[in-house]
Amino acid sequence: MIDSGILKGTLKILVMNVIDDKENIHGYGIRKEVEKRTEGKVLITEGALYPLLHKLDSQGLISSQNEQNGERERKMYSLTSQGQLQLEDLNLQLLEFSGTVIKFLNSKPSLF
């Protein structure tokens, strides 16, 4: 599992990417998809996911609608057009930052 301090800054990007890829997905589905796509290295707790979803919704980056599933009602999430634009920008920033960190780690002086 990856340290939660490292994940904190990328949780928004992971969640938004899942919502973009799997439009109309519920919270549990988001958690499971992130776990699957990260091969179990990223486990999102409900306490981290649902406040983030509420924040993204209030910022207009995602939209939500209630859907009846048998006797249960589930809140389904999808990305708004504003959310898609921001996600594109966030993905580019993360790729650039990741490349910079990899270069930094590879430039570490050898002790021998």
PDB file of N, CA and C in Angstrom:
ATOM      1  N   MET A   1       0.830  -1.180   0.000  1.00  0.00           N
ATOM      2  CA  MET A   1       0.000   0.000   0.000  1.00  0.00           C
ATOM      3  C   MET A   1       0.878   1.248   0.000  1.00  0.00           C
ATOM      4  N   ILE A   2       0.412   2.289  -0.638  1.00  0.00           N
ATOM      5  CA  ILE A   2       1.157   3.539  -0.769  1.00  0.00           C
ATOM      6  C   ILE A   2       0.841   4.443   0.414  1.00  0.00           C
ATOM      7  N   ASP A   3       1.853   5.135   0.903  1.00  0.00           N
ATOM      8  CA  ASP A   3       1.714   6.041   2.037  1.00  0.00           C
ATOM      9  C   ASP A   3       0.600   7.054   1.786  1.00  0.00           C
ATOM     10  N   SER A   4      -0.231   7.269   2.792  1.00  0.00           N
ATOM     11  CA  SER A   4      -1.385   8.163   2.640  1.00  0.00           C
ATOM     12  C   SER A   4      -0.972   9.608   2.371  1.00  0.00           C
ATOM     13  N   GLY A   5       0.188  10.022   2.847  1.00  0.00           N
ATOM     14  CA  GLY A   5       0.668  11.379   2.589  1.00  0.00           C
ATOM     15  C   GLY A   5       0.933  11.607   1.107  1.00  0.00           C
ATOM     16  N   ILE A   6       1.449  10.593   0.436  1.00  0.00           N
ATOM     17  CA  ILE A   6       1.694  10.691  -1.005  1.00  0.00           C
ATOM     18  C   ILE A   6       0.360  10.690  -1.752  1.00  0.00           C
ATOM     19  N   LEU A   7      -0.569   9.892  -1.301  1.00  0.00           N
ATOM     20  CA  LEU A   7      -1.860   9.766  -1.976  1.00  0.00           C
ATOM     21  C   LEU A   7      -2.743  10.988  -1.842  1.00  0.00           C
ATOM     22  N   LYS A   8      -2.599  11.703  -0.753  1.00  0.00           N
ATOM     23  CA  LYS A   8      -3.513  12.808  -0.465  1.00  0.00           C
ATOM     24  C   LYS A   8      -3.640  13.772  -1.638  1.00  0.00           C
ATOM     25  N   GLY A   9      -2.556  14.108  -2.256  1.00  0.00           N
ATOM     26  CA  GLY A   9      -2.591  15.057  -3.365  1.00  0.00           C
ATOM     27  C   GLY A   9      -3.102  14.484  -4.670  1.00  0.00           C
ATOM     28  N   THR A  10      -3.166  13.170  -4.793  1.00  0.00           N
ATOM     29  CA  THR A  10      -3.581  12.564  -6.055  1.00  0.00           C
ATOM     30  C   THR A  10      -4.961  11.921  -5.993  1.00  0.00           C
ATOM     31  N   LEU A  11      -5.556  11.855  -4.835  1.00  0.00           N
ATOM     32  CA  LEU A  11      -6.856  11.212  -4.684  1.00  0.00           C
ATOM     33  C   LEU A  11      -7.899  11.846  -5.608  1.00  0.00           C
ATOM     34  N   LYS A  12      -7.918  13.162  -5.669  1.00  0.00           N
ATOM     35  CA  LYS A  12      -8.869  13.873  -6.520  1.00  0.00           C
ATOM     36  C   LYS A  12      -8.713  13.438  -7.979  1.00  0.00           C
ATOM     37  N   ILE A  13      -7.479  13.334  -8.440  1.00  0.00           N
ATOM     38  CA  ILE A  13      -7.218  12.962  -9.833  1.00  0.00           C
ATOM     39  C   ILE A  13      -7.650  11.523 -10.098  1.00  0.00           C
ATOM     40  N   LEU A  14      -7.352  10.617  -9.181  1.00  0.00           N
ATOM     41  CA  LEU A  14      -7.752   9.220  -9.358  1.00  0.00           C
ATOM     42  C   LEU A  14      -9.266   9.101  -9.430  1.00  0.00           C
ATOM     43  N   VAL A  15      -9.954   9.734  -8.509  1.00  0.00           N
ATOM     44  CA  VAL A  15     -11.417   9.664  -8.446  1.00  0.00           C
ATOM     45  C   VAL A  15     -12.032  10.286  -9.693  1.00  0.00           C
ATOM     46  N   MET A  16     -11.543  11.454 -10.091  1.00  0.00           N
ATOM     47  CA  MET A  16     -12.107  12.104 -11.274  1.00  0.00           C
ATOM     48  C   MET A  16     -11.872  11.284 -12.537  1.00  0.00           C
ATOM     49  N   ASN A  17     -10.723  10.632 -12.644  1.00  0.00           N
ATOM     50  CA  ASN A  17     -10.456   9.775 -13.803  1.00  0.00           C
ATOM     51  C   ASN A  17     -11.410   8.587 -13.848  1.00  0.00           C
ATOM     52  N   VAL A  18     -11.678   7.976 -12.710  1.00  0.00           N
ATOM     53  CA  VAL A  18     -12.616   6.851 -12.674  1.00  0.00           C
ATOM     54  C   VAL A  18     -14.010   7.324 -13.073  1.00  0.00           C
ATOM     55  N   ILE A  19     -14.442   8.456 -12.552  1.00  0.00           N
ATOM     56  CA  ILE A  19     -15.765   8.971 -12.892  1.00  0.00           C
ATOM     57  C   ILE A  19     -15.838   9.290 -14.384  1.00  0.00           C
ATOM     58  N   ASP A  20     -14.759   9.809 -14.946  1.00  0.00           N
ATOM     59  CA  ASP A  20     -14.724  10.124 -16.370  1.00  0.00           C
ATOM     60  C   ASP A  20     -14.810   8.850 -17.217  1.00  0.00           C
ATOM     61  N   ASP A  21     -14.081   7.820 -16.801  1.00  0.00           N
ATOM     62  CA  ASP A  21     -14.049   6.561 -17.560  1.00  0.00           C
ATOM     63  C   ASP A  21     -15.331   5.754 -17.414  1.00  0.00           C
ATOM     64  N   LYS A  22     -15.925   5.807 -16.234  1.00  0.00           N
ATOM     65  CA  LYS A  22     -17.109   5.004 -15.924  1.00  0.00           C
ATOM     66  C   LYS A  22     -18.261   5.925 -15.573  1.00  0.00           C
ATOM     67  N   GLU A  23     -18.743   6.670 -16.519  1.00  0.00           N
ATOM     68  CA  GLU A  23     -19.794   7.651 -16.252  1.00  0.00           C
ATOM     69  C   GLU A  23     -20.986   6.991 -15.565  1.00  0.00           C
ATOM     70  N   ASN A  24     -21.590   7.733 -14.645  1.00  0.00           N
ATOM     71  CA  ASN A  24     -22.702   7.235 -13.826  1.00  0.00           C
ATOM     72  C   ASN A  24     -22.268   6.055 -12.970  1.00  0.00           C
ATOM     73  N   ILE A  25     -21.361   6.323 -12.086  1.00  0.00           N
ATOM     74  CA  ILE A  25     -20.829   5.310 -11.168  1.00  0.00           C
ATOM     75  C   ILE A  25     -21.107   5.765  -9.736  1.00  0.00           C
ATOM     76  N   HIS A  26     -21.358   4.827  -8.868  1.00  0.00           N
ATOM     77  CA  HIS A  26     -21.633   5.144  -7.464  1.00  0.00           C
ATOM     78  C   HIS A  26     -20.337   5.072  -6.656  1.00  0.00           C
ATOM     79  N   GLY A  27     -20.396   5.571  -5.434  1.00  0.00           N
ATOM     80  CA  GLY A  27     -19.206   5.667  -4.591  1.00  0.00           C
ATOM     81  C   GLY A  27     -18.487   4.346  -4.388  1.00  0.00           C
ATOM     82  N   TYR A  28     -19.231   3.283  -4.087  1.00  0.00           N
ATOM     83  CA  TYR A  28     -18.600   1.976  -3.883  1.00  0.00           C
ATOM     84  C   TYR A  28     -17.896   1.524  -5.162  1.00  0.00           C
ATOM     85  N   GLY A  29     -18.521   1.778  -6.299  1.00  0.00           N
ATOM     86  CA  GLY A  29     -17.905   1.424  -7.579  1.00  0.00           C
ATOM     87  C   GLY A  29     -16.611   2.185  -7.814  1.00  0.00           C
ATOM     88  N   ILE A  30     -16.583   3.443  -7.410  1.00  0.00           N
ATOM     89  CA  ILE A  30     -15.359   4.251  -7.536  1.00  0.00           C
ATOM     90  C   ILE A  30     -14.256   3.637  -6.691  1.00  0.00           C
ATOM     91  N   ARG A  31     -14.579   3.308  -5.436  1.00  0.00           N
ATOM     92  CA  ARG A  31     -13.583   2.701  -4.537  1.00  0.00           C
ATOM     93  C   ARG A  31     -13.016   1.425  -5.136  1.00  0.00           C
ATOM     94  N   LYS A  32     -13.888   0.559  -5.626  1.00  0.00           N
ATOM     95  CA  LYS A  32     -13.458  -0.730  -6.177  1.00  0.00           C
ATOM     96  C   LYS A  32     -12.639  -0.559  -7.455  1.00  0.00           C
ATOM     97  N   GLU A  33     -13.022   0.395  -8.298  1.00  0.00           N
ATOM     98  CA  GLU A  33     -12.296   0.626  -9.551  1.00  0.00           C
ATOM     99  C   GLU A  33     -10.887   1.161  -9.284  1.00  0.00           C
ATOM    100  N   VAL A  34     -10.757   2.073  -8.320  1.00  0.00           N
ATOM    101  CA  VAL A  34      -9.431   2.588  -7.962  1.00  0.00           C
ATOM    102  C   VAL A  34      -8.576   1.438  -7.421  1.00  0.00           C
ATOM    103  N   GLU A  35      -9.146   0.627  -6.557  1.00  0.00           N
ATOM    104  CA  GLU A  35      -8.411  -0.513  -5.997  1.00  0.00           C
ATOM    105  C   GLU A  35      -7.964  -1.462  -7.108  1.00  0.00           C
ATOM    106  N   LYS A  36      -8.855  -1.752  -8.044  1.00  0.00           N
ATOM    107  CA  LYS A  36      -8.544  -2.669  -9.152  1.00  0.00           C
ATOM    108  C   LYS A  36      -7.438  -2.106 -10.048  1.00  0.00           C
ATOM    109  N   ARG A  37      -7.594  -0.836 -10.440  1.00  0.00           N
ATOM    110  CA  ARG A  37      -6.648  -0.244 -11.388  1.00  0.00           C
ATOM    111  C   ARG A  37      -5.281   0.018 -10.779  1.00  0.00           C
ATOM    112  N   THR A  38      -5.206   0.091  -9.449  1.00  0.00           N
ATOM    113  CA  THR A  38      -3.913   0.284  -8.785  1.00  0.00           C
ATOM    114  C   THR A  38      -3.385  -1.032  -8.212  1.00  0.00           C
ATOM    115  N   GLU A  39      -4.024  -2.130  -8.612  1.00  0.00           N
ATOM    116  CA  GLU A  39      -3.627  -3.470  -8.155  1.00  0.00           C
ATOM    117  C   GLU A  39      -3.591  -3.560  -6.631  1.00  0.00           C
ATOM    118  N   GLY A  40      -4.563  -2.922  -5.988  1.00  0.00           N
ATOM    119  CA  GLY A  40      -4.692  -3.000  -4.545  1.00  0.00           C
ATOM    120  C   GLY A  40      -3.751  -2.110  -3.759  1.00  0.00           C
ATOM    121  N   LYS A  41      -2.988  -1.271  -4.442  1.00  0.00           N
ATOM    122  CA  LYS A  41      -2.034  -0.402  -3.743  1.00  0.00           C
ATOM    123  C   LYS A  41      -2.687   0.865  -3.211  1.00  0.00           C
ATOM    124  N   VAL A  42      -3.849   1.222  -3.757  1.00  0.00           N
ATOM    125  CA  VAL A  42      -4.565   2.404  -3.283  1.00  0.00           C
ATOM    126  C   VAL A  42      -5.943   1.958  -2.817  1.00  0.00           C
ATOM    127  N   LEU A  43      -6.171   2.100  -1.526  1.00  0.00           N
ATOM    128  CA  LEU A  43      -7.457   1.759  -0.926  1.00  0.00           C
ATOM    129  C   LEU A  43      -8.056   3.049  -0.370  1.00  0.00           C
ATOM    130  N   ILE A  44      -9.198   3.426  -0.887  1.00  0.00           N
ATOM    131  CA  ILE A  44      -9.829   4.673  -0.462  1.00  0.00           C
ATOM    132  C   ILE A  44     -10.886   4.357   0.582  1.00  0.00           C
ATOM    133  N   THR A  45     -10.795   5.017   1.711  1.00  0.00           N
ATOM    134  CA  THR A  45     -11.807   4.830   2.758  1.00  0.00           C
ATOM    135  C   THR A  45     -13.033   5.671   2.436  1.00  0.00           C
ATOM    136  N   GLU A  46     -14.160   5.286   3.006  1.00  0.00           N
ATOM    137  CA  GLU A  46     -15.378   6.078   2.838  1.00  0.00           C
ATOM    138  C   GLU A  46     -15.177   7.481   3.401  1.00  0.00           C
ATOM    139  N   GLY A  47     -14.423   7.567   4.497  1.00  0.00           N
ATOM    140  CA  GLY A  47     -14.163   8.854   5.144  1.00  0.00           C
ATOM    141  C   GLY A  47     -13.348   9.799   4.291  1.00  0.00           C
ATOM    142  N   ALA A  48     -12.631   9.276   3.317  1.00  0.00           N
ATOM    143  CA  ALA A  48     -11.877  10.123   2.391  1.00  0.00           C
ATOM    144  C   ALA A  48     -12.678  10.373   1.110  1.00  0.00           C
ATOM    145  N   LEU A  49     -13.402   9.360   0.652  1.00  0.00           N
ATOM    146  CA  LEU A  49     -14.087   9.462  -0.635  1.00  0.00           C
ATOM    147  C   LEU A  49     -15.296  10.391  -0.610  1.00  0.00           C
ATOM    148  N   TYR A  50     -16.194  10.183   0.322  1.00  0.00           N
ATOM    149  CA  TYR A  50     -17.456  10.922   0.272  1.00  0.00           C
ATOM    150  C   TYR A  50     -17.302  12.424   0.511  1.00  0.00           C
ATOM    151  N   PRO A  51     -16.438  12.865   1.421  1.00  0.00           N
ATOM    152  CA  PRO A  51     -16.209  14.321   1.508  1.00  0.00           C
ATOM    153  C   PRO A  51     -15.631  14.891   0.205  1.00  0.00           C
ATOM    154  N   LEU A  52     -14.753  14.121  -0.456  1.00  0.00           N
ATOM    155  CA  LEU A  52     -14.191  14.576  -1.734  1.00  0.00           C
ATOM    156  C   LEU A  52     -15.296  14.675  -2.786  1.00  0.00           C
ATOM    157  N   LEU A  53     -16.176  13.677  -2.850  1.00  0.00           N
ATOM    158  CA  LEU A  53     -17.269  13.715  -3.823  1.00  0.00           C
ATOM    159  C   LEU A  53     -18.183  14.913  -3.579  1.00  0.00           C
ATOM    160  N   HIS A  54     -18.477  15.202  -2.321  1.00  0.00           N
ATOM    161  CA  HIS A  54     -19.315  16.366  -1.998  1.00  0.00           C
ATOM    162  C   HIS A  54     -18.625  17.663  -2.423  1.00  0.00           C
ATOM    163  N   LYS A  55     -17.322  17.729  -2.202  1.00  0.00           N
ATOM    164  CA  LYS A  55     -16.567  18.930  -2.576  1.00  0.00           C
ATOM    165  C   LYS A  55     -16.550  19.106  -4.099  1.00  0.00           C
ATOM    166  N   LEU A  56     -16.285  18.020  -4.828  1.00  0.00           N
ATOM    167  CA  LEU A  56     -16.267  18.086  -6.286  1.00  0.00           C
ATOM    168  C   LEU A  56     -17.637  18.486  -6.827  1.00  0.00           C
ATOM    169  N   ASP A  57     -18.688  17.983  -6.205  1.00  0.00           N
ATOM    170  CA  ASP A  57     -20.048  18.318  -6.610  1.00  0.00           C
ATOM    171  C   ASP A  57     -20.335  19.798  -6.360  1.00  0.00           C
ATOM    172  N   SER A  58     -19.945  20.295  -5.192  1.00  0.00           N
ATOM    173  CA  SER A  58     -20.204  21.705  -4.870  1.00  0.00           C
ATOM    174  C   SER A  58     -19.379  22.653  -5.742  1.00  0.00           C
ATOM    175  N   GLN A  59     -18.241  22.171  -6.262  1.00  0.00           N
ATOM    176  CA  GLN A  59     -17.407  22.981  -7.151  1.00  0.00           C
ATOM    177  C   GLN A  59     -17.870  22.903  -8.608  1.00  0.00           C
ATOM    178  N   GLY A  60     -18.880  22.079  -8.871  1.00  0.00           N
ATOM    179  CA  GLY A  60     -19.393  21.946 -10.232  1.00  0.00           C
ATOM    180  C   GLY A  60     -18.552  21.062 -11.133  1.00  0.00           C
ATOM    181  N   LEU A  61     -17.644  20.269 -10.541  1.00  0.00           N
ATOM    182  CA  LEU A  61     -16.770  19.411 -11.343  1.00  0.00           C
ATOM    183  C   LEU A  61     -17.403  18.054 -11.637  1.00  0.00           C
ATOM    184  N   ILE A  62     -18.301  17.622 -10.763  1.00  0.00           N
ATOM    185  CA  ILE A  62     -19.076  16.412 -10.997  1.00  0.00           C
ATOM    186  C   ILE A  62     -20.544  16.741 -10.737  1.00  0.00           C
ATOM    187  N   SER A  63     -21.393  15.908 -11.263  1.00  0.00           N
ATOM    188  CA  SER A  63     -22.816  16.034 -10.952  1.00  0.00           C
ATOM    189  C   SER A  63     -23.268  14.704 -10.373  1.00  0.00           C
ATOM    190  N   SER A  64     -24.338  14.743  -9.627  1.00  0.00           N
ATOM    191  CA  SER A  64     -24.841  13.517  -9.018  1.00  0.00           C
ATOM    192  C   SER A  64     -26.344  13.439  -9.206  1.00  0.00           C
ATOM    193  N   GLN A  65     -26.815  12.211  -9.296  1.00  0.00           N
ATOM    194  CA  GLN A  65     -28.255  11.988  -9.361  1.00  0.00           C
ATOM    195  C   GLN A  65     -28.568  10.687  -8.645  1.00  0.00           C
ATOM    196  N   ASN A  66     -29.720  10.661  -8.006  1.00  0.00           N
ATOM    197  CA  ASN A  66     -30.143   9.463  -7.296  1.00  0.00           C
ATOM    198  C   ASN A  66     -30.808   8.505  -8.276  1.00  0.00           C
ATOM    199  N   GLU A  67     -30.443   7.222  -8.152  1.00  0.00           N
ATOM    200  CA  GLU A  67     -31.014   6.177  -8.993  1.00  0.00           C
ATOM    201  C   GLU A  67     -31.539   5.079  -8.109  1.00  0.00           C
ATOM    202  N   GLN A  68     -32.701   4.590  -8.445  1.00  0.00           N
ATOM    203  CA  GLN A  68     -33.295   3.489  -7.693  1.00  0.00           C
ATOM    204  C   GLN A  68     -32.718   2.180  -8.199  1.00  0.00           C
ATOM    205  N   ASN A  69     -32.241   1.350  -7.272  1.00  0.00           N
ATOM    206  CA  ASN A  69     -31.683   0.042  -7.611  1.00  0.00           C
ATOM    207  C   ASN A  69     -32.392  -0.972  -6.716  1.00  0.00           C
ATOM    208  N   GLY A  70     -33.501  -1.508  -7.194  1.00  0.00           N
ATOM    209  CA  GLY A  70     -34.297  -2.372  -6.340  1.00  0.00           C
ATOM    210  C   GLY A  70     -34.888  -1.545  -5.220  1.00  0.00           C
ATOM    211  N   GLU A  71     -34.620  -1.958  -4.004  1.00  0.00           N
ATOM    212  CA  GLU A  71     -35.105  -1.201  -2.843  1.00  0.00           C
ATOM    213  C   GLU A  71     -34.125  -0.120  -2.400  1.00  0.00           C
ATOM    214  N   ARG A  72     -32.925  -0.148  -2.954  1.00  0.00           N
ATOM    215  CA  ARG A  72     -31.896   0.824  -2.576  1.00  0.00           C
ATOM    216  C   ARG A  72     -31.861   1.994  -3.542  1.00  0.00           C
ATOM    217  N   GLU A  73     -31.550   3.132  -2.989  1.00  0.00           N
ATOM    218  CA  GLU A  73     -31.317   4.305  -3.815  1.00  0.00           C
ATOM    219  C   GLU A  73     -29.826   4.604  -3.758  1.00  0.00           C
ATOM    220  N   ARG A  74     -29.229   4.770  -4.920  1.00  0.00           N
ATOM    221  CA  ARG A  74     -27.793   5.057  -4.988  1.00  0.00           C
ATOM    222  C   ARG A  74     -27.576   6.398  -5.658  1.00  0.00           C
ATOM    223  N   LYS A  75     -26.551   7.092  -5.182  1.00  0.00           N
ATOM    224  CA  LYS A  75     -26.159   8.352  -5.803  1.00  0.00           C
ATOM    225  C   LYS A  75     -25.125   8.013  -6.868  1.00  0.00           C
ATOM    226  N   MET A  76     -25.412   8.413  -8.087  1.00  0.00           N
ATOM    227  CA  MET A  76     -24.528   8.132  -9.213  1.00  0.00           C
ATOM    228  C   MET A  76     -23.829   9.432  -9.616  1.00  0.00           C
ATOM    229  N   TYR A  77     -22.557   9.320  -9.962  1.00  0.00           N
ATOM    230  CA  TYR A  77     -21.737  10.492 -10.255  1.00  0.00           C
ATOM    231  C   TYR A  77     -21.270  10.477 -11.705  1.00  0.00           C
ATOM    232  N   SER A  78     -21.181  11.663 -12.280  1.00  0.00           N
ATOM    233  CA  SER A  78     -20.596  11.825 -13.610  1.00  0.00           C
ATOM    234  C   SER A  78     -19.851  13.155 -13.649  1.00  0.00           C
ATOM    235  N   LEU A  79     -18.903  13.246 -14.544  1.00  0.00           N
ATOM    236  CA  LEU A  79     -18.093  14.454 -14.685  1.00  0.00           C
ATOM    237  C   LEU A  79     -18.864  15.499 -15.504  1.00  0.00           C
ATOM    238  N   THR A  80     -18.778  16.736 -15.092  1.00  0.00           N
ATOM    239  CA  THR A  80     -19.365  17.828 -15.872  1.00  0.00           C
ATOM    240  C   THR A  80     -18.360  18.260 -16.940  1.00  0.00           C
ATOM    241  N   SER A  81     -18.777  19.111 -17.850  1.00  0.00           N
ATOM    242  CA  SER A  81     -17.834  19.602 -18.868  1.00  0.00           C
ATOM    243  C   SER A  81     -16.715  20.409 -18.210  1.00  0.00           C
ATOM    244  N   GLN A  82     -17.054  21.160 -17.164  1.00  0.00           N
ATOM    245  CA  GLN A  82     -16.026  21.900 -16.411  1.00  0.00           C
ATOM    246  C   GLN A  82     -15.060  20.915 -15.749  1.00  0.00           C
ATOM    247  N   GLY A  83     -15.601  19.822 -15.223  1.00  0.00           N
ATOM    248  CA  GLY A  83     -14.763  18.794 -14.604  1.00  0.00           C
ATOM    249  C   GLY A  83     -13.839  18.133 -15.602  1.00  0.00           C
ATOM    250  N   GLN A  84     -14.327  17.907 -16.807  1.00  0.00           N
ATOM    251  CA  GLN A  84     -13.483  17.295 -17.846  1.00  0.00           C
ATOM    252  C   GLN A  84     -12.320  18.196 -18.212  1.00  0.00           C
ATOM    253  N   LEU A  85     -12.587  19.493 -18.309  1.00  0.00           N
ATOM    254  CA  LEU A  85     -11.500  20.437 -18.613  1.00  0.00           C
ATOM    255  C   LEU A  85     -10.464  20.462 -17.495  1.00  0.00           C
ATOM    256  N   GLN A  86     -10.950  20.497 -16.250  1.00  0.00           N
ATOM    257  CA  GLN A  86     -10.000  20.528 -15.143  1.00  0.00           C
ATOM    258  C   GLN A  86      -9.228  19.223 -15.050  1.00  0.00           C
ATOM    259  N   LEU A  87      -9.888  18.099 -15.330  1.00  0.00           N
ATOM    260  CA  LEU A  87      -9.210  16.809 -15.266  1.00  0.00           C
ATOM    261  C   LEU A  87      -8.086  16.723 -16.293  1.00  0.00           C
ATOM    262  N   GLU A  88      -8.325  17.223 -17.502  1.00  0.00           N
ATOM    263  CA  GLU A  88      -7.272  17.232 -18.515  1.00  0.00           C
ATOM    264  C   GLU A  88      -6.055  17.996 -18.006  1.00  0.00           C
ATOM    265  N   ASP A  89      -6.288  19.150 -17.407  1.00  0.00           N
ATOM    266  CA  ASP A  89      -5.199  19.966 -16.873  1.00  0.00           C
ATOM    267  C   ASP A  89      -4.495  19.258 -15.716  1.00  0.00           C
ATOM    268  N   LEU A  90      -5.264  18.668 -14.802  1.00  0.00           N
ATOM    269  CA  LEU A  90      -4.670  17.966 -13.666  1.00  0.00           C
ATOM    270  C   LEU A  90      -3.846  16.764 -14.123  1.00  0.00           C
ATOM    271  N   ASN A  91      -4.342  16.030 -15.121  1.00  0.00           N
ATOM    272  CA  ASN A  91      -3.595  14.883 -15.632  1.00  0.00           C
ATOM    273  C   ASN A  91      -2.258  15.318 -16.217  1.00  0.00           C
ATOM    274  N   LEU A  92      -2.258  16.406 -16.986  1.00  0.00           N
ATOM    275  CA  LEU A  92      -1.002  16.919 -17.553  1.00  0.00           C
ATOM    276  C   LEU A  92      -0.035  17.346 -16.454  1.00  0.00           C
ATOM    277  N   GLN A  93      -0.562  18.046 -15.438  1.00  0.00           N
ATOM    278  CA  GLN A  93       0.286  18.474 -14.330  1.00  0.00           C
ATOM    279  C   GLN A  93       0.891  17.271 -13.599  1.00  0.00           C
ATOM    280  N   LEU A  94       0.079  16.246 -13.364  1.00  0.00           N
ATOM    281  CA  LEU A  94       0.568  15.071 -12.653  1.00  0.00           C
ATOM    282  C   LEU A  94       1.627  14.335 -13.474  1.00  0.00           C
ATOM    283  N   LEU A  95       1.417  14.218 -14.782  1.00  0.00           N
ATOM    284  CA  LEU A  95       2.416  13.567 -15.634  1.00  0.00           C
ATOM    285  C   LEU A  95       3.735  14.334 -15.622  1.00  0.00           C
ATOM    286  N   GLU A  96       3.645  15.650 -15.700  1.00  0.00           N
ATOM    287  CA  GLU A  96       4.856  16.471 -15.666  1.00  0.00           C
ATOM    288  C   GLU A  96       5.567  16.324 -14.321  1.00  0.00           C
ATOM    289  N   PHE A  97       4.804  16.394 -13.241  1.00  0.00           N
ATOM    290  CA  PHE A  97       5.385  16.269 -11.909  1.00  0.00           C
ATOM    291  C   PHE A  97       5.999  14.881 -11.705  1.00  0.00           C
ATOM    292  N   SER A  98       5.306  13.841 -12.146  1.00  0.00           N
ATOM    293  CA  SER A  98       5.826  12.472 -12.006  1.00  0.00           C
ATOM    294  C   SER A  98       7.141  12.312 -12.753  1.00  0.00           C
ATOM    295  N   GLY A  99       7.194  12.860 -13.965  1.00  0.00           N
ATOM    296  CA  GLY A  99       8.434  12.801 -14.739  1.00  0.00           C
ATOM    297  C   GLY A  99       9.569  13.523 -14.035  1.00  0.00           C
ATOM    298  N   THR A 100       9.261  14.653 -13.429  1.00  0.00           N
ATOM    299  CA  THR A 100      10.276  15.420 -12.698  1.00  0.00           C
ATOM    300  C   THR A 100      10.788  14.632 -11.497  1.00  0.00           C
ATOM    301  N   VAL A 101       9.894  13.989 -10.765  1.00  0.00           N
ATOM    302  CA  VAL A 101      10.302  13.185  -9.601  1.00  0.00           C
ATOM    303  C   VAL A 101      11.154  12.002 -10.046  1.00  0.00           C
ATOM    304  N   ILE A 102      10.767  11.345 -11.136  1.00  0.00           N
ATOM    305  CA  ILE A 102      11.552  10.208 -11.634  1.00  0.00           C
ATOM    306  C   ILE A 102      12.947  10.665 -12.044  1.00  0.00           C
ATOM    307  N   LYS A 103      13.040  11.801 -12.745  1.00  0.00           N
ATOM    308  CA  LYS A 103      14.361  12.334 -13.115  1.00  0.00           C
ATOM    309  C   LYS A 103      15.183  12.640 -11.872  1.00  0.00           C
ATOM    310  N   PHE A 104      14.539  13.239 -10.881  1.00  0.00           N
ATOM    311  CA  PHE A 104      15.221  13.559  -9.633  1.00  0.00           C
ATOM    312  C   PHE A 104      15.776  12.293  -8.977  1.00  0.00           C
ATOM    313  N   LEU A 105      14.956  11.277  -8.858  1.00  0.00           N
ATOM    314  CA  LEU A 105      15.393  10.030  -8.215  1.00  0.00           C
ATOM    315  C   LEU A 105      16.491   9.335  -9.011  1.00  0.00           C
ATOM    316  N   ASN A 106      16.430   9.417 -10.328  1.00  0.00           N
ATOM    317  CA  ASN A 106      17.454   8.796 -11.166  1.00  0.00           C
ATOM    318  C   ASN A 106      18.754   9.582 -11.175  1.00  0.00           C
ATOM    319  N   SER A 107      18.718  10.847 -10.775  1.00  0.00           N
ATOM    320  CA  SER A 107      19.928  11.669 -10.781  1.00  0.00           C
ATOM    321  C   SER A 107      20.684  11.581  -9.447  1.00  0.00           C
ATOM    322  N   LYS A 108      20.185  10.765  -8.557  1.00  0.00           N
ATOM    323  CA  LYS A 108      20.820  10.613  -7.253  1.00  0.00           C
ATOM    324  C   LYS A 108      22.278  10.155  -7.445  1.00  0.00           C
ATOM    325  N   PRO A 109      23.229  10.859  -6.813  1.00  0.00           N
ATOM    326  CA  PRO A 109      24.641  10.465  -6.992  1.00  0.00           C
ATOM    327  C   PRO A 109      24.908   9.075  -6.406  1.00  0.00           C
ATOM    328  N   SER A 110      25.715   8.359  -7.112  1.00  0.00           N
ATOM    329  CA  SER A 110      26.089   7.023  -6.654  1.00  0.00           C
ATOM    330  C   SER A 110      27.110   7.127  -5.540  1.00  0.00           C
ATOM    331  N   LEU A 111      27.017   6.225  -4.586  1.00  0.00           N
ATOM    332  CA  LEU A 111      27.973   6.223  -3.476  1.00  0.00           C
ATOM    333  C   LEU A 111      29.252   5.477  -3.829  1.00  0.00           C
ATOM    334  N   PHE A 112      29.310   4.848  -4.974  1.00  0.00           N
ATOM    335  CA  PHE A 112      30.500   4.048  -5.330  1.00  0.00           C
ATOM    336  C   PHE A 112      31.321   4.723  -6.374  1.00  0.00           C
TER     337      PHE A 112
END
